[in-house]
Amino acid sequence: MKVPGFISWFILRYLRFFAKWQLQKIKPDIIGVTGSVGKTSMTLAMGVILATRYTIKICAGMNSESGIPLNILGLKLTNYSIWDWLRVMLLAPVMVVVNWRKYEKYVVEMGVDSPLPPKNMGYLLTIVRPRVGVWLNVAPVHTQQFGDVEAIAQEKGKLIAQLPA
């Protein structure tokens, strides 16, 4: 069943609101990882290294406009049904209230599938604002949506462009 656009828009913004609230409460240093290939492996490797010195949280594999907020809130979808989405929406505000697990570093994989929101880097940057960015590579994936590799590079480069000086 195809979900109407306004419902998807509402769900994504609802989850983003609570995810940002959770991050404001915890205040971790955020490290963003992007690239066409190797994001999950790099995120996991960085997590192993950073865990020797810091308390960390990793967002590997859940690199989308819905996956990142769900990871921040400590929620997972089980079957992607309407009831499953309703469950995570009901739990989102509860998790902000009850989840006080502190972590110093949040390593987040950031994938882009389109130049348009919410599947672009610009939208992901409205959820998380990394202080450190890792840009691995650019390959001709998603060229149907982007047109060419240069457009993919420009979109992924927004992660680096927004970093503090």
Protein backbone atom coordinates (compact mmCIF):
# COMPACT_ATOMS: atom_id res chain seq x y z
CA MET A 1 0.00 0.00 0.00
CA LYS A 2 1.40 3.38 -1.04
CA VAL A 3 1.32 5.95 1.76
CA PRO A 4 0.10 9.41 0.71
CA GLY A 5 2.85 12.04 0.61
CA PHE A 6 1.44 14.24 3.36
CA ILE A 7 1.38 11.27 5.77
CA SER A 8 5.03 10.45 5.00
CA TRP A 9 5.91 14.13 5.40
CA PHE A 10 4.21 14.24 8.81
CA ILE A 11 5.84 11.01 10.04
CA LEU A 12 9.34 12.12 9.01
CA ARG A 13 9.02 15.51 10.67
CA TYR A 14 7.47 13.99 13.78
CA LEU A 15 10.39 11.55 14.16
CA ARG A 16 12.90 14.30 13.35
CA PHE A 17 11.44 16.51 16.09
CA PHE A 18 11.88 13.87 18.79
CA ALA A 19 15.30 12.77 17.50
CA LYS A 20 16.59 16.35 17.64
CA TRP A 21 15.17 16.69 21.15
CA GLN A 22 17.00 13.51 22.19
CA LEU A 23 20.28 14.81 20.74
CA GLN A 24 19.84 18.15 22.52
CA LYS A 25 19.38 16.25 25.76
CA ILE A 26 22.47 14.02 25.32
CA LYS A 27 24.68 16.58 23.49
CA PRO A 28 27.10 14.16 21.80
CA ASP A 29 29.81 15.13 19.33
CA ILE A 30 28.43 13.94 16.00
CA ILE A 31 30.62 12.36 13.34
CA GLY A 32 28.96 11.97 9.93
CA VAL A 33 30.11 9.39 7.39
CA THR A 34 29.06 9.53 3.73
CA GLY A 35 30.14 8.00 0.46
CA SER A 36 28.82 5.73 -2.24
CA VAL A 37 30.58 2.60 -0.96
CA GLY A 38 31.92 1.57 2.45
CA LYS A 39 29.86 3.76 4.80
CA THR A 40 28.71 0.94 7.07
CA SER A 41 32.17 -0.63 7.34
CA MET A 42 33.79 2.74 8.08
CA THR A 43 31.14 3.63 10.65
CA LEU A 44 31.62 0.31 12.44
CA ALA A 45 35.43 0.60 12.32
CA MET A 46 35.33 4.13 13.71
CA GLY A 47 33.00 2.92 16.44
CA VAL A 48 35.43 0.22 17.51
CA ILE A 49 38.32 2.68 17.63
CA LEU A 50 36.41 5.45 19.42
CA ALA A 51 34.94 3.01 21.96
CA THR A 52 38.43 2.51 23.41
CA ARG A 53 38.34 6.10 24.66
CA TYR A 54 34.75 7.38 24.64
CA THR A 55 31.21 6.24 25.25
CA ILE A 56 29.67 5.98 21.80
CA LYS A 57 26.52 5.30 19.85
CA ILE A 58 26.68 4.08 16.26
CA CYS A 59 24.15 4.46 13.48
CA ALA A 60 25.30 1.93 10.87
CA GLY A 61 22.99 0.67 8.16
CA MET A 62 20.12 2.94 9.23
CA ASN A 63 21.37 5.82 7.09
CA SER A 64 18.13 7.31 5.81
CA GLU A 65 15.62 10.04 6.61
CA SER A 66 13.70 7.57 8.80
CA GLY A 67 16.53 5.30 9.93
CA ILE A 68 18.64 8.02 11.56
CA PRO A 69 15.84 9.38 13.79
CA LEU A 70 14.77 5.86 14.74
CA ASN A 71 18.36 5.02 15.69
CA ILE A 72 18.71 8.18 17.77
CA LEU A 73 15.50 7.28 19.62
CA GLY A 74 16.52 3.63 20.08
CA LEU A 75 13.59 2.35 18.03
CA LYS A 76 13.38 -0.22 15.23
CA LEU A 77 10.72 -1.15 12.75
CA THR A 78 9.97 -4.86 12.61
CA ASN A 79 7.73 -5.25 9.56
CA TYR A 80 7.10 -1.75 8.17
CA SER A 81 3.33 -2.15 8.45
CA ILE A 82 1.06 0.78 9.27
CA TRP A 83 0.77 -0.65 12.80
CA ASP A 84 4.53 -0.85 13.13
CA TRP A 85 4.86 2.82 12.13
CA LEU A 86 2.10 3.74 14.57
CA ARG A 87 3.97 1.84 17.31
CA VAL A 88 7.23 3.76 16.78
CA MET A 89 5.35 7.06 16.58
CA LEU A 90 3.70 6.37 19.92
CA LEU A 91 7.02 5.32 21.45
CA ALA A 92 9.04 8.29 20.12
CA PRO A 93 8.00 10.79 22.83
CA VAL A 94 8.24 8.07 25.49
CA MET A 95 11.83 7.33 24.50
CA VAL A 96 12.82 10.99 24.85
CA VAL A 97 11.47 10.94 28.40
CA VAL A 98 12.88 7.57 29.53
CA ASN A 99 16.11 7.15 27.52
CA TRP A 100 18.88 8.97 29.37
CA ARG A 101 21.77 6.79 28.15
CA LYS A 102 24.67 9.21 27.75
CA TYR A 103 27.24 8.92 24.99
CA GLU A 104 30.02 11.31 24.06
CA LYS A 105 30.29 10.47 20.36
CA TYR A 106 27.59 9.61 17.85
CA VAL A 107 28.93 8.09 14.62
CA VAL A 108 26.19 8.33 12.00
CA GLU A 109 26.15 6.86 8.51
CA MET A 110 24.51 9.31 6.10
CA GLY A 111 23.23 7.96 2.79
CA VAL A 112 21.62 9.95 0.01
CA ASP A 113 19.35 8.49 -2.65
CA SER A 114 18.14 11.61 -4.42
CA PRO A 115 18.91 15.30 -4.82
CA LEU A 116 15.43 16.04 -3.46
CA PRO A 117 14.28 16.08 0.17
CA PRO A 118 13.82 14.02 2.22
CA LYS A 119 16.27 11.64 0.54
CA ASN A 120 19.10 14.16 0.22
CA MET A 121 21.96 15.34 2.42
CA GLY A 122 20.26 18.66 3.09
CA TYR A 123 17.39 16.90 4.83
CA LEU A 124 19.71 14.61 6.84
CA LEU A 125 21.56 17.72 8.01
CA THR A 126 18.30 19.02 9.50
CA ILE A 127 18.37 15.97 11.79
CA VAL A 128 22.07 15.83 12.72
CA ARG A 129 24.77 18.51 12.52
CA PRO A 130 28.13 16.71 12.51
CA ARG A 131 31.20 18.46 13.90
CA VAL A 132 33.39 15.98 12.03
CA GLY A 133 32.71 14.61 8.57
CA VAL A 134 34.15 11.67 6.66
CA TRP A 135 33.56 11.58 2.91
CA LEU A 136 34.74 8.24 1.56
CA ASN A 137 34.13 8.26 -2.18
CA VAL A 138 31.70 8.86 -5.02
CA ALA A 139 30.61 6.16 -7.43
CA PRO A 140 27.98 6.09 -10.18
CA VAL A 141 25.19 4.79 -7.95
CA HIS A 142 21.76 6.45 -8.03
CA THR A 143 22.69 8.14 -11.31
CA GLN A 144 19.10 7.68 -12.45
CA GLN A 145 18.02 10.11 -9.71
CA PHE A 146 21.06 12.42 -9.93
CA GLY A 147 21.96 12.37 -13.62
CA ASP A 148 25.73 12.11 -13.22
CA VAL A 149 28.53 11.49 -10.74
CA GLU A 150 29.22 15.22 -10.35
CA ALA A 151 25.70 15.79 -9.01
CA ILE A 152 26.18 12.91 -6.54
CA ALA A 153 29.48 14.45 -5.39
CA GLN A 154 27.86 17.86 -4.89
CA GLU A 155 25.10 16.35 -2.76
CA LYS A 156 27.45 14.28 -0.59
CA GLY A 157 29.81 17.26 -0.32
CA LYS A 158 27.17 19.18 1.62
CA LEU A 159 28.26 17.17 4.68
CA ILE A 160 31.75 18.64 4.46
CA ALA A 161 30.54 22.12 3.51
CA GLN A 162 28.44 22.49 6.69
CA LEU A 163 31.22 21.51 9.11
CA PRO A 164 32.46 24.12 11.57
CA ALA A 165 35.75 25.78 10.62
